[in-house]
PDB file of N, CA and C in Angstrom:
ATOM      1  N   MET A   1       0.785  -1.058  -0.097  1.00  0.00           N
ATOM      2  CA  MET A   1      -0.105  -0.147  -0.156  1.00  0.00           C
ATOM      3  C   MET A   1       0.589   1.185   0.065  1.00  0.00           C
ATOM      4  N   GLN A   2       0.484   2.323  -0.827  1.00  0.00           N
ATOM      5  CA  GLN A   2       0.612   3.450  -0.371  1.00  0.00           C
ATOM      6  C   GLN A   2       0.316   4.516   0.012  1.00  0.00           C
ATOM      7  N   ALA A   3       0.950   5.437   0.875  1.00  0.00           N
ATOM      8  CA  ALA A   3       0.196   6.351   1.977  1.00  0.00           C
ATOM      9  C   ALA A   3       1.218   7.218   1.366  1.00  0.00           C
ATOM     10  N   THR A   4      -0.354   8.650   1.163  1.00  0.00           N
ATOM     11  CA  THR A   4       0.791  10.297   0.960  1.00  0.00           C
ATOM     12  C   THR A   4      -0.140  11.479   1.608  1.00  0.00           C
ATOM     13  N   ILE A   5       0.536  12.704   2.474  1.00  0.00           N
ATOM     14  CA  ILE A   5      -0.794  13.334   2.786  1.00  0.00           C
ATOM     15  C   ILE A   5      -0.224  14.488   2.105  1.00  0.00           C
ATOM     16  N   LYS A   6      -1.598  15.317   2.351  1.00  0.00           N
ATOM     17  CA  LYS A   6      -1.939  16.624   2.387  1.00  0.00           C
ATOM     18  C   LYS A   6      -2.175  16.816   2.454  1.00  0.00           C
ATOM     19  N   VAL A   7      -1.952  18.520   3.247  1.00  0.00           N
ATOM     20  CA  VAL A   7      -2.475  19.635   4.030  1.00  0.00           C
ATOM     21  C   VAL A   7      -3.037  20.602   3.251  1.00  0.00           C
ATOM     22  N   ILE A   8      -4.170  20.970   3.768  1.00  0.00           N
ATOM     23  CA  ILE A   8      -5.141  21.706   2.940  1.00  0.00           C
ATOM     24  C   ILE A   8      -5.567  22.741   3.394  1.00  0.00           C
ATOM     25  N   GLU A   9      -5.541  24.358   4.207  1.00  0.00           N
ATOM     26  CA  GLU A   9      -5.542  24.856   5.408  1.00  0.00           C
ATOM     27  C   GLU A   9      -5.313  24.235   6.711  1.00  0.00           C
ATOM     28  N   ARG A  10      -6.754  24.043   6.623  1.00  0.00           N
ATOM     29  CA  ARG A  10      -6.767  23.194   8.155  1.00  0.00           C
ATOM     30  C   ARG A  10      -6.916  21.858   8.153  1.00  0.00           C
ATOM     31  N   LYS A  11      -6.960  20.902   6.966  1.00  0.00           N
ATOM     32  CA  LYS A  11      -7.659  19.400   6.839  1.00  0.00           C
ATOM     33  C   LYS A  11      -6.905  18.759   6.183  1.00  0.00           C
ATOM     34  N   ALA A  12      -5.899  17.472   6.803  1.00  0.00           N
ATOM     35  CA  ALA A  12      -4.820  16.826   6.498  1.00  0.00           C
ATOM     36  C   ALA A  12      -5.690  15.660   4.831  1.00  0.00           C
ATOM     37  N   LEU A  13      -5.881  15.549   4.095  1.00  0.00           N
ATOM     38  CA  LEU A  13      -5.771  14.605   3.490  1.00  0.00           C
ATOM     39  C   LEU A  13      -5.169  13.216   2.798  1.00  0.00           C
ATOM     40  N   ILE A  14      -5.267  11.734   3.778  1.00  0.00           N
ATOM     41  CA  ILE A  14      -4.295  11.225   2.879  1.00  0.00           C
ATOM     42  C   ILE A  14      -4.581  10.423   2.635  1.00  0.00           C
ATOM     43  N   ARG A  15      -3.833  10.580   1.414  1.00  0.00           N
ATOM     44  CA  ARG A  15      -4.832   9.350   0.636  1.00  0.00           C
ATOM     45  C   ARG A  15      -4.237   8.282   0.189  1.00  0.00           C
ATOM     46  N   LEU A  16      -4.409   6.443   0.448  1.00  0.00           N
ATOM     47  CA  LEU A  16      -4.104   5.042   0.256  1.00  0.00           C
ATOM     48  C   LEU A  16      -4.576   4.526  -1.301  1.00  0.00           C
ATOM     49  N   SER A  17      -3.424   3.953  -1.348  1.00  0.00           N
ATOM     50  CA  SER A  17      -3.705   3.287  -3.000  1.00  0.00           C
ATOM     51  C   SER A  17      -2.545   1.663  -2.531  1.00  0.00           C
ATOM     52  N   GLY A  18      -3.444   0.985  -2.942  1.00  0.00           N
ATOM     53  CA  GLY A  18      -3.269  -1.108  -2.900  1.00  0.00           C
ATOM     54  C   GLY A  18      -4.081  -1.507  -2.168  1.00  0.00           C
ATOM     55  N   ARG A  19      -3.697  -2.266  -1.404  1.00  0.00           N
ATOM     56  CA  ARG A  19      -4.539  -3.212  -0.762  1.00  0.00           C
ATOM     57  C   ARG A  19      -4.011  -2.283   0.490  1.00  0.00           C
ATOM     58  N   PHE A  20      -5.524  -2.189   1.063  1.00  0.00           N
ATOM     59  CA  PHE A  20      -4.807  -1.746   2.805  1.00  0.00           C
ATOM     60  C   PHE A  20      -4.486  -3.027   3.910  1.00  0.00           C
ATOM     61  N   GLU A  21      -4.359  -4.223   4.269  1.00  0.00           N
ATOM     62  CA  GLU A  21      -4.469  -4.709   4.727  1.00  0.00           C
ATOM     63  C   GLU A  21      -3.305  -5.184   5.806  1.00  0.00           C
ATOM     64  N   PHE A  22      -3.222  -6.429   7.025  1.00  0.00           N
ATOM     65  CA  PHE A  22      -3.054  -6.155   7.995  1.00  0.00           C
ATOM     66  C   PHE A  22      -1.727  -5.657   7.876  1.00  0.00           C
ATOM     67  N   SER A  23      -0.156  -6.101   6.507  1.00  0.00           N
ATOM     68  CA  SER A  23       0.567  -5.862   7.116  1.00  0.00           C
ATOM     69  C   SER A  23       0.713  -4.381   7.051  1.00  0.00           C
ATOM     70  N   GLU A  24       0.467  -3.976   6.621  1.00  0.00           N
ATOM     71  CA  GLU A  24       0.392  -2.740   6.473  1.00  0.00           C
ATOM     72  C   GLU A  24      -0.131  -1.305   6.785  1.00  0.00           C
ATOM     73  N   HIS A  25       0.574  -2.103   8.851  1.00  0.00           N
ATOM     74  CA  HIS A  25      -0.643  -1.245   9.810  1.00  0.00           C
ATOM     75  C   HIS A  25       0.912  -0.749  10.306  1.00  0.00           C
ATOM     76  N   ARG A  26       1.759  -0.352  10.073  1.00  0.00           N
ATOM     77  CA  ARG A  26       2.619   0.311   9.973  1.00  0.00           C
ATOM     78  C   ARG A  26       3.344   1.514   9.465  1.00  0.00           C
ATOM     79  N   VAL A  27       2.312   2.353   8.394  1.00  0.00           N
ATOM     80  CA  VAL A  27       2.689   2.524   7.241  1.00  0.00           C
ATOM     81  C   VAL A  27       1.140   3.296   7.713  1.00  0.00           C
ATOM     82  N   PHE A  28      -0.035   2.473   7.774  1.00  0.00           N
ATOM     83  CA  PHE A  28      -0.780   3.484   8.735  1.00  0.00           C
ATOM     84  C   PHE A  28      -0.474   4.355   9.770  1.00  0.00           C
ATOM     85  N   LYS A  29      -0.572   3.560  10.512  1.00  0.00           N
ATOM     86  CA  LYS A  29      -0.113   3.807  12.044  1.00  0.00           C
ATOM     87  C   LYS A  29       0.785   5.356  12.038  1.00  0.00           C
ATOM     88  N   ASP A  30       1.843   4.966  11.164  1.00  0.00           N
ATOM     89  CA  ASP A  30       2.834   6.474  11.000  1.00  0.00           C
ATOM     90  C   ASP A  30       2.824   7.461   9.825  1.00  0.00           C
ATOM     91  N   ILE A  31       1.541   7.800   9.655  1.00  0.00           N
ATOM     92  CA  ILE A  31       1.156   8.401   7.984  1.00  0.00           C
ATOM     93  C   ILE A  31      -0.288   9.485   9.035  1.00  0.00           C
ATOM     94  N   LEU A  32      -0.600   8.674  10.354  1.00  0.00           N
ATOM     95  CA  LEU A  32      -1.406   9.592  10.998  1.00  0.00           C
ATOM     96  C   LEU A  32      -1.249   9.929  11.840  1.00  0.00           C
ATOM     97  N   ASP A  33       0.217   9.461  12.561  1.00  0.00           N
ATOM     98  CA  ASP A  33       0.719  10.131  13.730  1.00  0.00           C
ATOM     99  C   ASP A  33       1.138  11.643  12.373  1.00  0.00           C
ATOM    100  N   GLU A  34       1.764  11.164  11.767  1.00  0.00           N
ATOM    101  CA  GLU A  34       1.874  12.650  11.200  1.00  0.00           C
ATOM    102  C   GLU A  34       1.488  13.851  11.628  1.00  0.00           C
ATOM    103  N   ALA A  35       0.081  12.955  11.048  1.00  0.00           N
ATOM    104  CA  ALA A  35      -1.138  14.507  10.561  1.00  0.00           C
ATOM    105  C   ALA A  35      -1.604  15.126  12.158  1.00  0.00           C
ATOM    106  N   LEU A  36      -1.599  14.070  13.082  1.00  0.00           N
ATOM    107  CA  LEU A  36      -1.473  14.145  14.557  1.00  0.00           C
ATOM    108  C   LEU A  36      -0.605  15.346  15.094  1.00  0.00           C
ATOM    109  N   ARG A  37       0.257  14.999  14.737  1.00  0.00           N
ATOM    110  CA  ARG A  37       1.194  15.620  15.293  1.00  0.00           C
ATOM    111  C   ARG A  37       0.974  17.408  15.030  1.00  0.00           C
ATOM    112  N   ASN A  38       0.333  17.536  13.931  1.00  0.00           N
ATOM    113  CA  ASN A  38       0.158  18.894  13.088  1.00  0.00           C
ATOM    114  C   ASN A  38      -0.902  19.756  13.903  1.00  0.00           C
ATOM    115  N   GLN A  39      -0.801  20.712  14.642  1.00  0.00           N
ATOM    116  CA  GLN A  39      -1.107  21.175  16.071  1.00  0.00           C
ATOM    117  C   GLN A  39      -2.394  21.788  14.472  1.00  0.00           C
ATOM    118  N   GLU A  40      -1.840  22.761  13.360  1.00  0.00           N
ATOM    119  CA  GLU A  40      -3.124  23.289  12.843  1.00  0.00           C
ATOM    120  C   GLU A  40      -3.957  22.950  11.966  1.00  0.00           C
ATOM    121  N   ILE A  41      -3.623  21.371  12.345  1.00  0.00           N
ATOM    122  CA  ILE A  41      -4.966  20.747  11.502  1.00  0.00           C
ATOM    123  C   ILE A  41      -6.341  19.815  12.281  1.00  0.00           C
ATOM    124  N   ASP A  42      -7.728  20.641  11.707  1.00  0.00           N
ATOM    125  CA  ASP A  42      -8.706  20.599  12.633  1.00  0.00           C
ATOM    126  C   ASP A  42      -9.554  19.009  12.204  1.00  0.00           C
ATOM    127  N   GLU A  43      -9.009  18.453  11.165  1.00  0.00           N
ATOM    128  CA  GLU A  43      -9.776  17.485  10.172  1.00  0.00           C
ATOM    129  C   GLU A  43      -9.286  16.520   9.401  1.00  0.00           C
ATOM    130  N   ILE A  44      -8.964  14.597  10.186  1.00  0.00           N
ATOM    131  CA  ILE A  44      -8.578  14.209   9.391  1.00  0.00           C
ATOM    132  C   ILE A  44      -8.365  13.686   7.977  1.00  0.00           C
ATOM    133  N   VAL A  45      -8.142  13.499   6.147  1.00  0.00           N
ATOM    134  CA  VAL A  45      -9.724  12.615   5.608  1.00  0.00           C
ATOM    135  C   VAL A  45      -9.080  11.303   5.669  1.00  0.00           C
ATOM    136  N   VAL A  46      -9.819  10.420   4.993  1.00  0.00           N
ATOM    137  CA  VAL A  46      -8.747   9.401   4.191  1.00  0.00           C
ATOM    138  C   VAL A  46      -9.585   8.840   3.549  1.00  0.00           C
ATOM    139  N   ASP A  47      -8.810   8.792   2.322  1.00  0.00           N
ATOM    140  CA  ASP A  47      -9.115   9.430   1.057  1.00  0.00           C
ATOM    141  C   ASP A  47      -8.654   7.787   0.433  1.00  0.00           C
ATOM    142  N   LEU A  48      -9.748   6.552  -0.075  1.00  0.00           N
ATOM    143  CA  LEU A  48      -9.744   5.014  -0.004  1.00  0.00           C
ATOM    144  C   LEU A  48      -9.676   5.137  -1.850  1.00  0.00           C
ATOM    145  N   ALA A  49     -10.453   6.192  -2.598  1.00  0.00           N
ATOM    146  CA  ALA A  49     -10.716   6.192  -4.297  1.00  0.00           C
ATOM    147  C   ALA A  49      -9.685   5.262  -5.017  1.00  0.00           C
ATOM    148  N   ALA A  50      -7.847   5.155  -3.980  1.00  0.00           N
ATOM    149  CA  ALA A  50      -7.330   3.981  -4.447  1.00  0.00           C
ATOM    150  C   ALA A  50      -6.609   2.814  -3.763  1.00  0.00           C
ATOM    151  N   VAL A  51      -7.884   2.249  -3.023  1.00  0.00           N
ATOM    152  CA  VAL A  51      -8.084   0.795  -1.722  1.00  0.00           C
ATOM    153  C   VAL A  51      -8.539  -0.167  -2.744  1.00  0.00           C
ATOM    154  N   GLU A  52      -7.511  -1.226  -3.356  1.00  0.00           N
ATOM    155  CA  GLU A  52      -7.949  -1.910  -4.244  1.00  0.00           C
ATOM    156  C   GLU A  52      -8.961  -2.871  -3.171  1.00  0.00           C
ATOM    157  N   TYR A  53      -8.039  -3.668  -1.829  1.00  0.00           N
ATOM    158  CA  TYR A  53      -8.428  -4.408  -0.911  1.00  0.00           C
ATOM    159  C   TYR A  53      -8.420  -3.513   0.420  1.00  0.00           C
ATOM    160  N   LEU A  54      -9.696  -4.199   1.518  1.00  0.00           N
ATOM    161  CA  LEU A  54      -9.030  -4.387   2.699  1.00  0.00           C
ATOM    162  C   LEU A  54      -9.729  -4.768   2.954  1.00  0.00           C
ATOM    163  N   ASP A  55      -9.015  -5.747   4.717  1.00  0.00           N
ATOM    164  CA  ASP A  55      -9.659  -7.070   5.377  1.00  0.00           C
ATOM    165  C   ASP A  55      -9.903  -6.566   6.333  1.00  0.00           C
ATOM    166  N   SER A  56     -10.394  -7.303   7.080  1.00  0.00           N
ATOM    167  CA  SER A  56     -10.477  -7.079   8.705  1.00  0.00           C
ATOM    168  C   SER A  56     -10.232  -5.897   9.435  1.00  0.00           C
ATOM    169  N   SER A  57      -8.743  -6.728   9.562  1.00  0.00           N
ATOM    170  CA  SER A  57      -7.882  -5.516  10.485  1.00  0.00           C
ATOM    171  C   SER A  57      -7.396  -4.153   9.137  1.00  0.00           C
ATOM    172  N   ALA A  58      -7.577  -3.700   7.782  1.00  0.00           N
ATOM    173  CA  ALA A  58      -7.886  -1.859   7.938  1.00  0.00           C
ATOM    174  C   ALA A  58      -9.324  -1.928   8.560  1.00  0.00           C
ATOM    175  N   LEU A  59     -10.483  -2.639   8.318  1.00  0.00           N
ATOM    176  CA  LEU A  59     -11.460  -2.246   9.585  1.00  0.00           C
ATOM    177  C   LEU A  59     -10.935  -1.618  10.916  1.00  0.00           C
ATOM    178  N   GLY A  60     -10.079  -2.883  11.834  1.00  0.00           N
ATOM    179  CA  GLY A  60      -9.533  -2.271  12.975  1.00  0.00           C
ATOM    180  C   GLY A  60      -9.144  -0.935  12.880  1.00  0.00           C
ATOM    181  N   MET A  61      -7.931  -1.120  11.750  1.00  0.00           N
ATOM    182  CA  MET A  61      -7.279   0.380  11.399  1.00  0.00           C
ATOM    183  C   MET A  61      -7.699   1.502  11.786  1.00  0.00           C
ATOM    184  N   LEU A  62      -8.908   1.550  10.976  1.00  0.00           N
ATOM    185  CA  LEU A  62      -9.849   2.885  10.359  1.00  0.00           C
ATOM    186  C   LEU A  62     -10.429   3.835  11.907  1.00  0.00           C
ATOM    187  N   LEU A  63     -10.275   2.139  12.445  1.00  0.00           N
ATOM    188  CA  LEU A  63     -11.499   2.204  14.203  1.00  0.00           C
ATOM    189  C   LEU A  63     -10.639   3.254  14.694  1.00  0.00           C
ATOM    190  N   MET A  64      -9.348   2.590  14.667  1.00  0.00           N
ATOM    191  CA  MET A  64      -7.654   2.818  16.090  1.00  0.00           C
ATOM    192  C   MET A  64      -7.654   4.465  15.177  1.00  0.00           C
ATOM    193  N   PHE A  65      -7.767   4.294  13.844  1.00  0.00           N
ATOM    194  CA  PHE A  65      -8.047   6.074  13.378  1.00  0.00           C
ATOM    195  C   PHE A  65      -8.832   6.810  13.765  1.00  0.00           C
ATOM    196  N   ARG A  66     -10.492   6.586  14.066  1.00  0.00           N
ATOM    197  CA  ARG A  66     -11.529   7.852  14.030  1.00  0.00           C
ATOM    198  C   ARG A  66     -11.080   7.535  15.769  1.00  0.00           C
ATOM    199  N   ASP A  67     -10.689   7.052  16.972  1.00  0.00           N
ATOM    200  CA  ASP A  67     -10.490   6.698  18.273  1.00  0.00           C
ATOM    201  C   ASP A  67      -9.552   7.312  18.391  1.00  0.00           C
ATOM    202  N   LYS A  68      -7.883   8.016  17.512  1.00  0.00           N
ATOM    203  CA  LYS A  68      -6.935   8.217  18.691  1.00  0.00           C
ATOM    204  C   LYS A  68      -6.908   9.845  18.134  1.00  0.00           C
ATOM    205  N   ALA A  69      -7.596   9.973  16.355  1.00  0.00           N
ATOM    206  CA  ALA A  69      -7.861  11.068  16.708  1.00  0.00           C
ATOM    207  C   ALA A  69      -8.697  12.386  17.465  1.00  0.00           C
ATOM    208  N   LYS A  70      -9.861  10.874  17.756  1.00  0.00           N
ATOM    209  CA  LYS A  70     -10.841  12.088  18.840  1.00  0.00           C
ATOM    210  C   LYS A  70     -10.243  12.347  19.750  1.00  0.00           C
ATOM    211  N   ASN A  71      -9.308  12.010  19.891  1.00  0.00           N
ATOM    212  CA  ASN A  71      -8.748  11.926  21.497  1.00  0.00           C
ATOM    213  C   ASN A  71      -8.252  13.220  21.267  1.00  0.00           C
ATOM    214  N   HIS A  72      -7.386  13.438  20.590  1.00  0.00           N
ATOM    215  CA  HIS A  72      -6.739  14.965  19.973  1.00  0.00           C
ATOM    216  C   HIS A  72      -7.670  15.728  19.364  1.00  0.00           C
ATOM    217  N   ASN A  73      -8.790  15.442  19.021  1.00  0.00           N
ATOM    218  CA  ASN A  73      -9.803  16.302  19.374  1.00  0.00           C
ATOM    219  C   ASN A  73      -9.525  16.979  17.625  1.00  0.00           C
ATOM    220  N   ARG A  74      -9.549  15.949  17.152  1.00  0.00           N
ATOM    221  CA  ARG A  74      -9.091  16.548  15.605  1.00  0.00           C
ATOM    222  C   ARG A  74     -10.663  15.451  14.510  1.00  0.00           C
ATOM    223  N   ARG A  75     -11.643  16.301  14.293  1.00  0.00           N
ATOM    224  CA  ARG A  75     -13.202  15.256  13.160  1.00  0.00           C
ATOM    225  C   ARG A  75     -13.006  14.610  11.770  1.00  0.00           C
ATOM    226  N   THR A  76     -13.340  13.601  11.621  1.00  0.00           N
ATOM    227  CA  THR A  76     -12.425  12.072  10.961  1.00  0.00           C
ATOM    228  C   THR A  76     -14.114  12.448  10.328  1.00  0.00           C
ATOM    229  N   SER A  77     -13.319  11.747   8.656  1.00  0.00           N
ATOM    230  CA  SER A  77     -13.845  11.100   7.702  1.00  0.00           C
ATOM    231  C   SER A  77     -13.203  10.573   6.929  1.00  0.00           C
ATOM    232  N   LEU A  78     -14.284   9.182   6.210  1.00  0.00           N
ATOM    233  CA  LEU A  78     -14.071   8.419   5.170  1.00  0.00           C
ATOM    234  C   LEU A  78     -14.386   9.479   3.608  1.00  0.00           C
ATOM    235  N   ALA A  79     -14.085   9.317   2.443  1.00  0.00           N
ATOM    236  CA  ALA A  79     -13.446   9.484   1.130  1.00  0.00           C
ATOM    237  C   ALA A  79     -13.452   9.007   0.506  1.00  0.00           C
ATOM    238  N   ASN A  80     -14.393   8.894  -1.309  1.00  0.00           N
ATOM    239  CA  ASN A  80     -14.242   8.934  -2.205  1.00  0.00           C
ATOM    240  C   ASN A  80     -14.109   7.233  -2.053  1.00  0.00           C
ATOM    241  N   PRO A  81     -14.352   6.725  -1.450  1.00  0.00           N
ATOM    242  CA  PRO A  81     -14.436   5.382  -1.341  1.00  0.00           C
ATOM    243  C   PRO A  81     -14.354   4.009  -2.633  1.00  0.00           C
ATOM    244  N   SER A  82     -13.491   3.471  -3.584  1.00  0.00           N
ATOM    245  CA  SER A  82     -13.733   2.481  -4.841  1.00  0.00           C
ATOM    246  C   SER A  82     -14.387   1.399  -4.248  1.00  0.00           C
ATOM    247  N   ALA A  83     -14.864   0.613  -5.227  1.00  0.00           N
ATOM    248  CA  ALA A  83     -15.990  -0.563  -5.162  1.00  0.00           C
ATOM    249  C   ALA A  83     -16.071  -0.716  -4.807  1.00  0.00           C
ATOM    250  N   ALA A  84     -14.818  -1.784  -4.248  1.00  0.00           N
ATOM    251  CA  ALA A  84     -13.900  -2.708  -3.393  1.00  0.00           C
ATOM    252  C   ALA A  84     -14.347  -2.557  -2.267  1.00  0.00           C
ATOM    253  N   ALA A  85     -13.035  -1.062  -1.288  1.00  0.00           N
ATOM    254  CA  ALA A  85     -13.688  -0.335  -0.342  1.00  0.00           C
ATOM    255  C   ALA A  85     -14.507  -0.230   0.344  1.00  0.00           C
ATOM    256  N   LYS A  86     -15.965  -0.371  -1.022  1.00  0.00           N
ATOM    257  CA  LYS A  86     -17.808   0.648  -0.771  1.00  0.00           C
ATOM    258  C   LYS A  86     -17.983  -0.849  -0.084  1.00  0.00           C
ATOM    259  N   GLN A  87     -17.752  -1.529  -1.067  1.00  0.00           N
ATOM    260  CA  GLN A  87     -18.647  -2.782  -0.947  1.00  0.00           C
ATOM    261  C   GLN A  87     -18.004  -3.093   1.141  1.00  0.00           C
ATOM    262  N   ILE A  88     -17.061  -3.922   1.235  1.00  0.00           N
ATOM    263  CA  ILE A  88     -16.380  -3.284   2.547  1.00  0.00           C
ATOM    264  C   ILE A  88     -16.984  -2.329   3.926  1.00  0.00           C
ATOM    265  N   LEU A  89     -16.649  -1.665   3.721  1.00  0.00           N
ATOM    266  CA  LEU A  89     -17.424  -1.107   4.738  1.00  0.00           C
ATOM    267  C   LEU A  89     -19.117  -1.207   5.062  1.00  0.00           C
ATOM    268  N   ASP A  90     -19.746  -0.866   3.834  1.00  0.00           N
ATOM    269  CA  ASP A  90     -21.336  -1.545   3.382  1.00  0.00           C
ATOM    270  C   ASP A  90     -21.230  -1.989   4.639  1.00  0.00           C
ATOM    271  N   ILE A  91     -21.097  -3.187   4.578  1.00  0.00           N
ATOM    272  CA  ILE A  91     -21.377  -5.120   5.101  1.00  0.00           C
ATOM    273  C   ILE A  91     -21.423  -3.978   6.670  1.00  0.00           C
ATOM    274  N   ALA A  92     -20.100  -4.013   6.939  1.00  0.00           N
ATOM    275  CA  ALA A  92     -19.079  -3.766   8.421  1.00  0.00           C
ATOM    276  C   ALA A  92     -19.925  -2.414   8.773  1.00  0.00           C
ATOM    277  N   HIS A  93     -21.230  -1.954   8.097  1.00  0.00           N
ATOM    278  CA  HIS A  93     -21.972  -0.200   8.481  1.00  0.00           C
ATOM    279  C   HIS A  93     -21.003   0.357   8.573  1.00  0.00           C
ATOM    280  N   PHE A  94     -19.950   0.685   8.017  1.00  0.00           N
ATOM    281  CA  PHE A  94     -19.314   1.836   8.661  1.00  0.00           C
ATOM    282  C   PHE A  94     -19.687   2.911   8.208  1.00  0.00           C
ATOM    283  N   GLU A  95     -21.106   3.289   8.067  1.00  0.00           N
ATOM    284  CA  GLU A  95     -21.921   5.172   7.884  1.00  0.00           C
ATOM    285  C   GLU A  95     -22.014   5.213   8.641  1.00  0.00           C
ATOM    286  N   LYS A  96     -22.179   4.487   9.878  1.00  0.00           N
ATOM    287  CA  LYS A  96     -22.893   4.409  11.180  1.00  0.00           C
ATOM    288  C   LYS A  96     -21.897   4.731  12.229  1.00  0.00           C
ATOM    289  N   ILE A  97     -20.277   5.074  11.011  1.00  0.00           N
ATOM    290  CA  ILE A  97     -19.415   5.109  12.322  1.00  0.00           C
ATOM    291  C   ILE A  97     -18.851   6.575  11.038  1.00  0.00           C
ATOM    292  N   PHE A  98     -18.501   7.055  10.800  1.00  0.00           N
ATOM    293  CA  PHE A  98     -17.354   7.840   9.916  1.00  0.00           C
ATOM    294  C   PHE A  98     -18.442   8.694   9.295  1.00  0.00           C
ATOM    295  N   PRO A  99     -18.616   9.447   8.182  1.00  0.00           N
ATOM    296  CA  PRO A  99     -18.843  10.195   7.652  1.00  0.00           C
ATOM    297  C   PRO A  99     -18.747   9.827   6.016  1.00  0.00           C
ATOM    298  N   ILE A 100     -18.967   9.804   5.415  1.00  0.00           N
ATOM    299  CA  ILE A 100     -18.026   9.001   4.111  1.00  0.00           C
ATOM    300  C   ILE A 100     -18.983   9.742   3.302  1.00  0.00           C
ATOM    301  N   VAL A 101     -17.646  10.552   2.640  1.00  0.00           N
ATOM    302  CA  VAL A 101     -17.877  12.433   1.602  1.00  0.00           C
ATOM    303  C   VAL A 101     -17.687  11.620   0.015  1.00  0.00           C
ATOM    304  N   HIS A 102     -17.574  12.100  -1.059  1.00  0.00           N
ATOM    305  CA  HIS A 102     -17.425  12.467  -1.855  1.00  0.00           C
ATOM    306  C   HIS A 102     -16.928  13.441  -2.512  1.00  0.00           C
ATOM    307  N   GLY A 103     -15.929  13.132  -3.514  1.00  0.00           N
ATOM    308  CA  GLY A 103     -15.752  14.003  -3.897  1.00  0.00           C
ATOM    309  C   GLY A 103     -14.502  15.425  -3.115  1.00  0.00           C
ATOM    310  N   ALA A 104     -13.510  14.668  -2.396  1.00  0.00           N
ATOM    311  CA  ALA A 104     -13.683  15.385  -0.817  1.00  0.00           C
ATOM    312  C   ALA A 104     -11.847  14.875  -1.751  1.00  0.00           C
ATOM    313  N   GLY A 105     -11.265  16.939  -1.678  1.00  0.00           N
ATOM    314  CA  GLY A 105      -9.638  16.477  -1.878  1.00  0.00           C
ATOM    315  C   GLY A 105      -9.580  16.446  -3.795  1.00  0.00           C
TER     316      GLY A 105
END
């Protein structure tokens, strides 16, 4: 998986691409920590447009992301889920946990 971060005004946009699975835990944690260290950021958006696959551990990492961001008083959302990501998010009812937006970034 590839992960990049772009800061626009007070929003961090984390773009993920490839397979989001357990083996990518460190990559995701590191980029999330980078966003959380920036005191100017109010919101963190994870863009899933280029995610080809995500497994149950990726869902757990997204929950961890939400909790860590909340502890740092940051808003969170998921954006532009690919068809594969959307299917998994729908099955897991993540729309009840995260705002899922289209067109962010």
